[in-house]
């Protein structure tokens, strides 16, 4: 087996849905594996082995890999096949730079405009996040984290802002998953989400903006440390 090649024993299930064609199911399955860290940066994605893992022919695998390359999640090397795209410091900083400003704006607007129903949803999401932390299930933790930020975006009352955040969602998810790989930051994550939630519910724009900025800055610092460890 070549270095970082996918072992046949890897636990991958094809996301089958009767309402979508096979090529789309293959694409969504591989995409999910990359975004959640199931496939590691630099890992080889050979058509034959992926076909055996997913029980499909090479054609939908090839189509999925090309589509993932366009999204920046896969790198195709002439003569040596495809690999999962690396998580680079520059890409991470570019994404989080945007997210920091968008999250700050989202938190400010939510603090101004949040209604009683969204306050209840935000409190519940914050509690659910804490429960997910106790479960230790990283997929669940990431999903609970997404839910909090989605509620805040919705509470901003700015549909264009929500649309822009959605365009960044997948790239943010990949870095979010990097952040939650190690449990040393879990207590801090709970505290940060509580601080953001309380500030928004209390209508304190400045405190909400500051808490959101600290949240992203801590995320960036942690991911940079993880990238540095991999490069040693």
Foldseek 3Di string as FASTA:
>chain_A
DDPLEDDLPQDFEQPDDPVDDSLVSLLVRVLVCLLLVVRPFFHADDQVSSCSSHVHHSVSVVVSQVVCVVVVQWDQDPPRGIGGHHDDLVVLCVLLVVVLVLQLLLLLLLLVFADPVLLVQLVVLLVQLLVVLVVVDLVSNLVSVVSNSLSSNVSSVDPVSSVVCVVSVSVVSSLVSLQPPDSPCVVVLSVLSVQLSVCSVNSPSVSNSVSSNVNSVVSSVSSVVVVVVVVD
